[in-house]
Amino acid sequence: VDIARYLGVISETEAPEHVRLLIDRRLAQAGAEVAVLPA
């Protein structure tokens, strides 16, 4: 029950969505580097 409540509050803060945004930013950074590597 505590775990369910814990996860519920975490979801309410929209932390998962923010983490997904951080992931997308890092993938964009990686994409810029791919362009200079061997074709």
PDB file of all heavy atoms in Angstrom:
ATOM      1  N   VAL A   1       0.844  -1.207   0.000  1.00  0.00           N
ATOM      2  CA  VAL A   1       0.000   0.000   0.000  1.00  0.00           C
ATOM      3  C   VAL A   1       0.876   1.252   0.000  1.00  0.00           C
ATOM      4  O   VAL A   1       0.594   2.229  -0.716  1.00  0.00           O
ATOM      5  CB  VAL A   1      -0.943  -0.003   1.228  1.00  0.00           C
ATOM      6  CG1 VAL A   1      -1.692   1.327   1.327  1.00  0.00           C
ATOM      7  CG2 VAL A   1      -1.931  -1.157   1.128  1.00  0.00           C
ATOM      8  N   ASP A   2       1.953   1.230   0.804  1.00  0.00           N
ATOM      9  CA  ASP A   2       2.881   2.363   0.828  1.00  0.00           C
ATOM     10  C   ASP A   2       3.513   2.579  -0.542  1.00  0.00           C
ATOM     11  O   ASP A   2       3.648   3.724  -1.008  1.00  0.00           O
ATOM     12  CB  ASP A   2       3.993   2.115   1.858  1.00  0.00           C
ATOM     13  CG  ASP A   2       3.487   2.105   3.288  1.00  0.00           C
ATOM     14  OD1 ASP A   2       2.504   2.788   3.569  1.00  0.00           O
ATOM     15  OD2 ASP A   2       4.094   1.392   4.122  1.00  0.00           O
ATOM     16  N   ILE A   3       3.922   1.485  -1.189  1.00  0.00           N
ATOM     17  CA  ILE A   3       4.552   1.587  -2.508  1.00  0.00           C
ATOM     18  C   ILE A   3       3.582   2.203  -3.506  1.00  0.00           C
ATOM     19  O   ILE A   3       3.956   3.085  -4.305  1.00  0.00           O
ATOM     20  CB  ILE A   3       5.016   0.195  -3.001  1.00  0.00           C
ATOM     21  CG1 ILE A   3       6.162  -0.336  -2.133  1.00  0.00           C
ATOM     22  CG2 ILE A   3       5.441   0.252  -4.467  1.00  0.00           C
ATOM     23  CD1 ILE A   3       7.420   0.496  -2.187  1.00  0.00           C
ATOM     24  N   ALA A   4       2.332   1.763  -3.478  1.00  0.00           N
ATOM     25  CA  ALA A   4       1.330   2.314  -4.398  1.00  0.00           C
ATOM     26  C   ALA A   4       1.144   3.811  -4.155  1.00  0.00           C
ATOM     27  O   ALA A   4       1.037   4.601  -5.106  1.00  0.00           O
ATOM     28  CB  ALA A   4       0.007   1.570  -4.229  1.00  0.00           C
ATOM     29  N   ARG A   5       1.127   4.213  -2.896  1.00  0.00           N
ATOM     30  CA  ARG A   5       0.974   5.631  -2.588  1.00  0.00           C
ATOM     31  C   ARG A   5       2.210   6.409  -3.032  1.00  0.00           C
ATOM     32  O   ARG A   5       2.109   7.521  -3.575  1.00  0.00           O
ATOM     33  CB  ARG A   5       0.754   5.804  -1.088  1.00  0.00           C
ATOM     34  CG  ARG A   5       0.367   7.234  -0.696  1.00  0.00           C
ATOM     35  CD  ARG A   5       0.223   7.384   0.794  1.00  0.00           C
ATOM     36  NE  ARG A   5      -0.327   8.686   1.139  1.00  0.00           N
ATOM     37  CZ  ARG A   5      -0.199   9.247   2.332  1.00  0.00           C
ATOM     38  NH1 ARG A   5       0.454   8.609   3.305  1.00  0.00           N
ATOM     39  NH2 ARG A   5      -0.722  10.434   2.569  1.00  0.00           N
ATOM     40  N   TYR A   6       3.377   5.846  -2.786  1.00  0.00           N
ATOM     41  CA  TYR A   6       4.644   6.460  -3.174  1.00  0.00           C
ATOM     42  C   TYR A   6       4.658   6.727  -4.683  1.00  0.00           C
ATOM     43  O   TYR A   6       4.936   7.847  -5.147  1.00  0.00           O
ATOM     44  CB  TYR A   6       5.776   5.507  -2.799  1.00  0.00           C
ATOM     45  CG  TYR A   6       7.084   6.135  -2.384  1.00  0.00           C
ATOM     46  CD1 TYR A   6       7.884   5.515  -1.416  1.00  0.00           C
ATOM     47  CD2 TYR A   6       7.564   7.301  -2.958  1.00  0.00           C
ATOM     48  CE1 TYR A   6       9.106   6.056  -1.029  1.00  0.00           C
ATOM     49  CE2 TYR A   6       8.779   7.847  -2.581  1.00  0.00           C
ATOM     50  CZ  TYR A   6       9.543   7.214  -1.613  1.00  0.00           C
ATOM     51  OH  TYR A   6      10.747   7.753  -1.240  1.00  0.00           O
ATOM     52  N   LEU A   7       4.326   5.685  -5.448  1.00  0.00           N
ATOM     53  CA  LEU A   7       4.327   5.821  -6.909  1.00  0.00           C
ATOM     54  C   LEU A   7       3.262   6.820  -7.361  1.00  0.00           C
ATOM     55  O   LEU A   7       3.477   7.557  -8.332  1.00  0.00           O
ATOM     56  CB  LEU A   7       4.087   4.461  -7.552  1.00  0.00           C
ATOM     57  CG  LEU A   7       5.195   3.419  -7.367  1.00  0.00           C
ATOM     58  CD1 LEU A   7       4.771   2.078  -7.953  1.00  0.00           C
ATOM     59  CD2 LEU A   7       6.491   3.895  -8.010  1.00  0.00           C
ATOM     60  N   GLY A   8       2.140   6.845  -6.649  1.00  0.00           N
ATOM     61  CA  GLY A   8       1.087   7.785  -7.010  1.00  0.00           C
ATOM     62  C   GLY A   8       1.525   9.228  -6.850  1.00  0.00           C
ATOM     63  O   GLY A   8       1.276  10.062  -7.734  1.00  0.00           O
ATOM     64  N   VAL A   9       2.195   9.536  -5.745  1.00  0.00           N
ATOM     65  CA  VAL A   9       2.665  10.904  -5.521  1.00  0.00           C
ATOM     66  C   VAL A   9       3.751  11.267  -6.527  1.00  0.00           C
ATOM     67  O   VAL A   9       3.781  12.389  -7.058  1.00  0.00           O
ATOM     68  CB  VAL A   9       3.180  11.071  -4.076  1.00  0.00           C
ATOM     69  CG1 VAL A   9       3.776  12.465  -3.879  1.00  0.00           C
ATOM     70  CG2 VAL A   9       2.053  10.834  -3.082  1.00  0.00           C
ATOM     71  N   ILE A  10       4.647  10.326  -6.802  1.00  0.00           N
ATOM     72  CA  ILE A  10       5.687  10.578  -7.806  1.00  0.00           C
ATOM     73  C   ILE A  10       5.053  10.922  -9.150  1.00  0.00           C
ATOM     74  O   ILE A  10       5.478  11.861  -9.838  1.00  0.00           O
ATOM     75  CB  ILE A  10       6.622   9.357  -7.926  1.00  0.00           C
ATOM     76  CG1 ILE A  10       7.508   9.245  -6.686  1.00  0.00           C
ATOM     77  CG2 ILE A  10       7.483   9.454  -9.193  1.00  0.00           C
ATOM     78  CD1 ILE A  10       8.340   7.979  -6.638  1.00  0.00           C
ATOM     79  N   SER A  11       4.023  10.185  -9.517  1.00  0.00           N
ATOM     80  CA  SER A  11       3.326  10.466 -10.784  1.00  0.00           C
ATOM     81  C   SER A  11       2.656  11.832 -10.762  1.00  0.00           C
ATOM     82  O   SER A  11       2.658  12.551 -11.764  1.00  0.00           O
ATOM     83  CB  SER A  11       2.285   9.376 -11.061  1.00  0.00           C
ATOM     84  OG  SER A  11       2.899   8.120 -11.254  1.00  0.00           O
ATOM     85  N   GLU A  12       2.077  12.207  -9.619  1.00  0.00           N
ATOM     86  CA  GLU A  12       1.420  13.500  -9.498  1.00  0.00           C
ATOM     87  C   GLU A  12       2.381  14.658  -9.733  1.00  0.00           C
ATOM     88  O   GLU A  12       1.980  15.716 -10.239  1.00  0.00           O
ATOM     89  CB  GLU A  12       0.785  13.635  -8.110  1.00  0.00           C
ATOM     90  CG  GLU A  12      -0.442  12.759  -7.889  1.00  0.00           C
ATOM     91  CD  GLU A  12      -0.893  12.779  -6.439  1.00  0.00           C
ATOM     92  OE1 GLU A  12      -0.332  13.575  -5.654  1.00  0.00           O
ATOM     93  OE2 GLU A  12      -1.801  11.999  -6.088  1.00  0.00           O
ATOM     94  N   THR A  13       3.642  14.490  -9.360  1.00  0.00           N
ATOM     95  CA  THR A  13       4.631  15.561  -9.559  1.00  0.00           C
ATOM     96  C   THR A  13       5.064  15.689 -11.019  1.00  0.00           C
ATOM     97  O   THR A  13       5.795  16.618 -11.362  1.00  0.00           O
ATOM     98  CB  THR A  13       5.891  15.313  -8.710  1.00  0.00           C
ATOM     99  OG1 THR A  13       6.586  14.160  -9.214  1.00  0.00           O
ATOM    100  CG2 THR A  13       5.541  15.109  -7.240  1.00  0.00           C
ATOM    101  N   GLU A  14       4.654  14.731 -11.851  1.00  0.00           N
ATOM    102  CA  GLU A  14       5.041  14.659 -13.261  1.00  0.00           C
ATOM    103  C   GLU A  14       6.541  14.436 -13.422  1.00  0.00           C
ATOM    104  O   GLU A  14       7.124  14.752 -14.467  1.00  0.00           O
ATOM    105  CB  GLU A  14       4.594  15.908 -14.025  1.00  0.00           C
ATOM    106  CG  GLU A  14       3.074  16.094 -14.025  1.00  0.00           C
ATOM    107  CD  GLU A  14       2.630  17.250 -14.890  1.00  0.00           C
ATOM    108  OE1 GLU A  14       3.493  18.046 -15.346  1.00  0.00           O
ATOM    109  OE2 GLU A  14       1.413  17.377 -15.129  1.00  0.00           O
ATOM    110  N   ALA A  15       7.160  13.841 -12.404  1.00  0.00           N
ATOM    111  CA  ALA A  15       8.580  13.509 -12.510  1.00  0.00           C
ATOM    112  C   ALA A  15       8.860  12.536 -13.656  1.00  0.00           C
ATOM    113  O   ALA A  15       9.854  12.705 -14.377  1.00  0.00           O
ATOM    114  CB  ALA A  15       9.082  12.937 -11.181  1.00  0.00           C
ATOM    115  N   PRO A  16       8.013  11.509 -13.871  1.00  0.00           N
ATOM    116  CA  PRO A  16       8.291  10.604 -14.997  1.00  0.00           C
ATOM    117  C   PRO A  16       8.331  11.330 -16.334  1.00  0.00           C
ATOM    118  O   PRO A  16       9.202  11.050 -17.182  1.00  0.00           O
ATOM    119  CB  PRO A  16       7.130   9.602 -14.932  1.00  0.00           C
ATOM    120  CG  PRO A  16       6.731   9.582 -13.500  1.00  0.00           C
ATOM    121  CD  PRO A  16       6.880  11.018 -13.052  1.00  0.00           C
ATOM    122  N   GLU A  17       7.407  12.271 -16.539  1.00  0.00           N
ATOM    123  CA  GLU A  17       7.405  13.026 -17.796  1.00  0.00           C
ATOM    124  C   GLU A  17       8.672  13.874 -17.930  1.00  0.00           C
ATOM    125  O   GLU A  17       9.237  14.010 -19.025  1.00  0.00           O
ATOM    126  CB  GLU A  17       6.166  13.932 -17.859  1.00  0.00           C
ATOM    127  CG  GLU A  17       4.857  13.206 -18.081  1.00  0.00           C
ATOM    128  CD  GLU A  17       4.339  12.511 -16.832  1.00  0.00           C
ATOM    129  OE1 GLU A  17       4.921  12.714 -15.739  1.00  0.00           O
ATOM    130  OE2 GLU A  17       3.345  11.762 -16.944  1.00  0.00           O
ATOM    131  N   HIS A  18       9.114  14.453 -16.820  1.00  0.00           N
ATOM    132  CA  HIS A  18      10.329  15.265 -16.852  1.00  0.00           C
ATOM    133  C   HIS A  18      11.541  14.400 -17.188  1.00  0.00           C
ATOM    134  O   HIS A  18      12.422  14.825 -17.954  1.00  0.00           O
ATOM    135  CB  HIS A  18      10.535  15.957 -15.506  1.00  0.00           C
ATOM    136  CG  HIS A  18      11.668  16.942 -15.514  1.00  0.00           C
ATOM    137  ND1 HIS A  18      11.592  18.166 -16.155  1.00  0.00           N
ATOM    138  CD2 HIS A  18      12.917  16.884 -14.963  1.00  0.00           C
ATOM    139  CE1 HIS A  18      12.739  18.817 -16.004  1.00  0.00           C
ATOM    140  NE2 HIS A  18      13.550  18.067 -15.283  1.00  0.00           N
ATOM    141  N   VAL A  19      11.591  13.198 -16.633  1.00  0.00           N
ATOM    142  CA  VAL A  19      12.701  12.288 -16.936  1.00  0.00           C
ATOM    143  C   VAL A  19      12.683  11.918 -18.416  1.00  0.00           C
ATOM    144  O   VAL A  19      13.730  11.842 -19.066  1.00  0.00           O
ATOM    145  CB  VAL A  19      12.627  11.033 -16.048  1.00  0.00           C
ATOM    146  CG1 VAL A  19      13.636   9.980 -16.515  1.00  0.00           C
ATOM    147  CG2 VAL A  19      12.913  11.402 -14.598  1.00  0.00           C
ATOM    148  N   ARG A  20      11.508  11.704 -18.959  1.00  0.00           N
ATOM    149  CA  ARG A  20      11.422  11.392 -20.395  1.00  0.00           C
ATOM    150  C   ARG A  20      11.925  12.561 -21.238  1.00  0.00           C
ATOM    151  O   ARG A  20      12.549  12.350 -22.292  1.00  0.00           O
ATOM    152  CB  ARG A  20       9.980  11.034 -20.771  1.00  0.00           C
ATOM    153  CG  ARG A  20       9.502   9.736 -20.130  1.00  0.00           C
ATOM    154  CD  ARG A  20       8.127   9.326 -20.629  1.00  0.00           C
ATOM    155  NE  ARG A  20       7.637   8.158 -19.891  1.00  0.00           N
ATOM    156  CZ  ARG A  20       6.789   8.198 -18.871  1.00  0.00           C
ATOM    157  NH1 ARG A  20       6.286   9.375 -18.488  1.00  0.00           N
ATOM    158  NH2 ARG A  20       6.417   7.101 -18.259  1.00  0.00           N
ATOM    159  N   LEU A  21      11.676  13.774 -20.794  1.00  0.00           N
ATOM    160  CA  LEU A  21      12.194  14.950 -21.495  1.00  0.00           C
ATOM    161  C   LEU A  21      13.724  14.973 -21.446  1.00  0.00           C
ATOM    162  O   LEU A  21      14.382  15.268 -22.459  1.00  0.00           O
ATOM    163  CB  LEU A  21      11.628  16.219 -20.864  1.00  0.00           C
ATOM    164  CG  LEU A  21      12.109  17.554 -21.453  1.00  0.00           C
ATOM    165  CD1 LEU A  21      11.725  17.658 -22.926  1.00  0.00           C
ATOM    166  CD2 LEU A  21      11.537  18.729 -20.665  1.00  0.00           C
ATOM    167  N   LEU A  22      14.300  14.638 -20.295  1.00  0.00           N
ATOM    168  CA  LEU A  22      15.757  14.569 -20.175  1.00  0.00           C
ATOM    169  C   LEU A  22      16.330  13.505 -21.105  1.00  0.00           C
ATOM    170  O   LEU A  22      17.391  13.695 -21.710  1.00  0.00           O
ATOM    171  CB  LEU A  22      16.151  14.269 -18.731  1.00  0.00           C
ATOM    172  CG  LEU A  22      15.839  15.340 -17.685  1.00  0.00           C
ATOM    173  CD1 LEU A  22      16.262  14.862 -16.298  1.00  0.00           C
ATOM    174  CD2 LEU A  22      16.523  16.655 -18.031  1.00  0.00           C
ATOM    175  N   ILE A  23      15.632  12.392 -21.226  1.00  0.00           N
ATOM    176  CA  ILE A  23      16.071  11.328 -22.134  1.00  0.00           C
ATOM    177  C   ILE A  23      16.105  11.834 -23.567  1.00  0.00           C
ATOM    178  O   ILE A  23      17.085  11.620 -24.306  1.00  0.00           O
ATOM    179  CB  ILE A  23      15.142  10.106 -22.003  1.00  0.00           C
ATOM    180  CG1 ILE A  23      15.349   9.419 -20.648  1.00  0.00           C
ATOM    181  CG2 ILE A  23      15.399   9.110 -23.142  1.00  0.00           C
ATOM    182  CD1 ILE A  23      14.335   8.331 -20.354  1.00  0.00           C
ATOM    183  N   ASP A  24      15.042  12.519 -23.990  1.00  0.00           N
ATOM    184  CA  ASP A  24      14.980  13.028 -25.363  1.00  0.00           C
ATOM    185  C   ASP A  24      16.109  14.030 -25.638  1.00  0.00           C
ATOM    186  O   ASP A  24      16.678  14.051 -26.739  1.00  0.00           O
ATOM    187  CB  ASP A  24      13.627  13.680 -25.625  1.00  0.00           C
ATOM    188  CG  ASP A  24      12.500  12.659 -25.757  1.00  0.00           C
ATOM    189  OD1 ASP A  24      12.810  11.477 -26.006  1.00  0.00           O
ATOM    190  OD2 ASP A  24      11.328  13.029 -25.594  1.00  0.00           O
ATOM    191  N   ARG A  25      16.416  14.854 -24.650  1.00  0.00           N
ATOM    192  CA  ARG A  25      17.497  15.823 -24.829  1.00  0.00           C
ATOM    193  C   ARG A  25      18.830  15.123 -25.029  1.00  0.00           C
ATOM    194  O   ARG A  25      19.647  15.537 -25.870  1.00  0.00           O
ATOM    195  CB  ARG A  25      17.559  16.752 -23.621  1.00  0.00           C
ATOM    196  CG  ARG A  25      16.413  17.752 -23.530  1.00  0.00           C
ATOM    197  CD  ARG A  25      16.481  18.530 -22.230  1.00  0.00           C
ATOM    198  NE  ARG A  25      15.385  19.495 -22.112  1.00  0.00           N
ATOM    199  CZ  ARG A  25      15.105  20.178 -21.007  1.00  0.00           C
ATOM    200  NH1 ARG A  25      15.849  19.995 -19.911  1.00  0.00           N
ATOM    201  NH2 ARG A  25      14.096  21.026 -20.987  1.00  0.00           N
ATOM    202  N   ARG A  26      19.048  14.063 -24.294  1.00  0.00           N
ATOM    203  CA  ARG A  26      20.314  13.349 -24.420  1.00  0.00           C
ATOM    204  C   ARG A  26      20.395  12.594 -25.742  1.00  0.00           C
ATOM    205  O   ARG A  26      21.469  12.492 -26.339  1.00  0.00           O
ATOM    206  CB  ARG A  26      20.509  12.436 -23.212  1.00  0.00           C
ATOM    207  CG  ARG A  26      21.049  13.220 -22.016  1.00  0.00           C
ATOM    208  CD  ARG A  26      20.619  12.678 -20.682  1.00  0.00           C
ATOM    209  NE  ARG A  26      21.148  13.522 -19.602  1.00  0.00           N
ATOM    210  CZ  ARG A  26      20.630  14.675 -19.232  1.00  0.00           C
ATOM    211  NH1 ARG A  26      19.578  15.162 -19.867  1.00  0.00           N
ATOM    212  NH2 ARG A  26      21.163  15.380 -18.235  1.00  0.00           N
ATOM    213  N   LEU A  27      19.280  12.094 -26.209  1.00  0.00           N
ATOM    214  CA  LEU A  27      19.283  11.458 -27.522  1.00  0.00           C
ATOM    215  C   LEU A  27      19.569  12.475 -28.621  1.00  0.00           C
ATOM    216  O   LEU A  27      20.244  12.158 -29.612  1.00  0.00           O
ATOM    217  CB  LEU A  27      17.941  10.775 -27.777  1.00  0.00           C
ATOM    218  CG  LEU A  27      17.659   9.505 -26.960  1.00  0.00           C
ATOM    219  CD1 LEU A  27      16.306   8.942 -27.346  1.00  0.00           C
ATOM    220  CD2 LEU A  27      18.749   8.469 -27.169  1.00  0.00           C
ATOM    221  N   ALA A  28      19.088  13.679 -28.458  1.00  0.00           N
ATOM    222  CA  ALA A  28      19.380  14.728 -29.437  1.00  0.00           C
ATOM    223  C   ALA A  28      20.872  15.060 -29.435  1.00  0.00           C
ATOM    224  O   ALA A  28      21.477  15.272 -30.493  1.00  0.00           O
ATOM    225  CB  ALA A  28      18.553  15.975 -29.131  1.00  0.00           C
ATOM    226  N   GLN A  29      21.472  15.122 -28.239  1.00  0.00           N
ATOM    227  CA  GLN A  29      22.913  15.356 -28.150  1.00  0.00           C
ATOM    228  C   GLN A  29      23.684  14.238 -28.856  1.00  0.00           C
ATOM    229  O   GLN A  29      24.641  14.492 -29.586  1.00  0.00           O
ATOM    230  CB  GLN A  29      23.334  15.420 -26.673  1.00  0.00           C
ATOM    231  CG  GLN A  29      22.787  16.615 -25.910  1.00  0.00           C
ATOM    232  CD  GLN A  29      23.026  16.501 -24.416  1.00  0.00           C
ATOM    233  OE1 GLN A  29      23.805  15.671 -23.957  1.00  0.00           O
ATOM    234  NE2 GLN A  29      22.333  17.329 -23.641  1.00  0.00           N
ATOM    235  N   ALA A  30      23.247  13.000 -28.616  1.00  0.00           N
ATOM    236  CA  ALA A  30      23.917  11.868 -29.259  1.00  0.00           C
ATOM    237  C   ALA A  30      23.770  11.937 -30.774  1.00  0.00           C
ATOM    238  O   ALA A  30      24.705  11.625 -31.522  1.00  0.00           O
ATOM    239  CB  ALA A  30      23.335  10.560 -28.736  1.00  0.00           C
ATOM    240  N   GLY A  31      22.601  12.365 -31.248  1.00  0.00           N
ATOM    241  CA  GLY A  31      22.373  12.470 -32.683  1.00  0.00           C
ATOM    242  C   GLY A  31      23.319  13.431 -33.361  1.00  0.00           C
ATOM    243  O   GLY A  31      23.764  13.195 -34.491  1.00  0.00           O
ATOM    244  N   ALA A  32      23.672  14.513 -32.673  1.00  0.00           N
ATOM    245  CA  ALA A  32      24.602  15.487 -33.248  1.00  0.00           C
ATOM    246  C   ALA A  32      25.988  14.870 -33.424  1.00  0.00           C
ATOM    247  O   ALA A  32      26.712  15.192 -34.377  1.00  0.00           O
ATOM    248  CB  ALA A  32      24.678  16.721 -32.358  1.00  0.00           C
ATOM    249  N   GLU A  33      26.372  13.982 -32.511  1.00  0.00           N
ATOM    250  CA  GLU A  33      27.692  13.352 -32.596  1.00  0.00           C
ATOM    251  C   GLU A  33      27.740  12.282 -33.683  1.00  0.00           C
ATOM    252  O   GLU A  33      28.779  12.071 -34.314  1.00  0.00           O
ATOM    253  CB  GLU A  33      28.076  12.738 -31.249  1.00  0.00           C
ATOM    254  CG  GLU A  33      28.222  13.744 -30.121  1.00  0.00           C
ATOM    255  CD  GLU A  33      29.290  14.787 -30.396  1.00  0.00           C
ATOM    256  OE1 GLU A  33      30.197  14.527 -31.200  1.00  0.00           O
ATOM    257  OE2 GLU A  33      29.203  15.881 -29.806  1.00  0.00           O
ATOM    258  N   VAL A  34      26.624  11.584 -33.889  1.00  0.00           N
ATOM    259  CA  VAL A  34      26.586  10.533 -34.907  1.00  0.00           C
ATOM    260  C   VAL A  34      26.948  11.086 -36.278  1.00  0.00           C
ATOM    261  O   VAL A  34      27.616  10.424 -37.081  1.00  0.00           O
ATOM    262  CB  VAL A  34      25.184   9.875 -34.946  1.00  0.00           C
ATOM    263  CG1 VAL A  34      25.008   9.037 -36.214  1.00  0.00           C
ATOM    264  CG2 VAL A  34      24.972   9.009 -33.718  1.00  0.00           C
ATOM    265  N   ALA A  35      26.550  12.312 -36.542  1.00  0.00           N
ATOM    266  CA  ALA A  35      26.765  12.905 -37.867  1.00  0.00           C
ATOM    267  C   ALA A  35      28.239  13.062 -38.212  1.00  0.00           C
ATOM    268  O   ALA A  35      28.585  13.159 -39.400  1.00  0.00           O
ATOM    269  CB  ALA A  35      26.071  14.266 -37.937  1.00  0.00           C
ATOM    270  N   VAL A  36      29.132  13.104 -37.226  1.00  0.00           N
ATOM    271  CA  VAL A  36      30.556  13.298 -37.516  1.00  0.00           C
ATOM    272  C   VAL A  36      31.317  11.982 -37.491  1.00  0.00           C
ATOM    273  O   VAL A  36      32.534  11.967 -37.702  1.00  0.00           O
ATOM    274  CB  VAL A  36      31.193  14.291 -36.525  1.00  0.00           C
ATOM    275  CG1 VAL A  36      30.444  15.615 -36.528  1.00  0.00           C
ATOM    276  CG2 VAL A  36      31.227  13.708 -35.100  1.00  0.00           C
ATOM    277  N   LEU A  37      30.630  10.873 -37.266  1.00  0.00           N
ATOM    278  CA  LEU A  37      31.282   9.565 -37.206  1.00  0.00           C
ATOM    279  C   LEU A  37      31.263   8.899 -38.575  1.00  0.00           C
ATOM    280  O   LEU A  37      30.551   9.350 -39.490  1.00  0.00           O
ATOM    281  CB  LEU A  37      30.575   8.696 -36.164  1.00  0.00           C
ATOM    282  CG  LEU A  37      30.807   9.147 -34.713  1.00  0.00           C
ATOM    283  CD1 LEU A  37      29.827   8.472 -33.769  1.00  0.00           C
ATOM    284  CD2 LEU A  37      32.245   8.877 -34.294  1.00  0.00           C
ATOM    285  N   PRO A  38      32.041   7.835 -38.776  1.00  0.00           N
ATOM    286  CA  PRO A  38      32.060   7.160 -40.077  1.00  0.00           C
ATOM    287  C   PRO A  38      30.668   6.810 -40.580  1.00  0.00           C
ATOM    288  O   PRO A  38      29.828   6.308 -39.819  1.00  0.00           O
ATOM    289  CB  PRO A  38      32.889   5.898 -39.794  1.00  0.00           C
ATOM    290  CG  PRO A  38      33.813   6.305 -38.690  1.00  0.00           C
ATOM    291  CD  PRO A  38      32.997   7.226 -37.830  1.00  0.00           C
ATOM    292  N   ALA A  39      30.424   7.082 -41.847  1.00  0.00           N
ATOM    293  CA  ALA A  39      29.082   6.896 -42.414  1.00  0.00           C
ATOM    294  C   ALA A  39      28.588   5.465 -42.259  1.00  0.00           C
ATOM    295  O   ALA A  39      27.392   5.228 -42.083  1.00  0.00           O
ATOM    296  CB  ALA A  39      29.091   7.292 -43.892  1.00  0.00           C
TER     297      ALA A  39
END
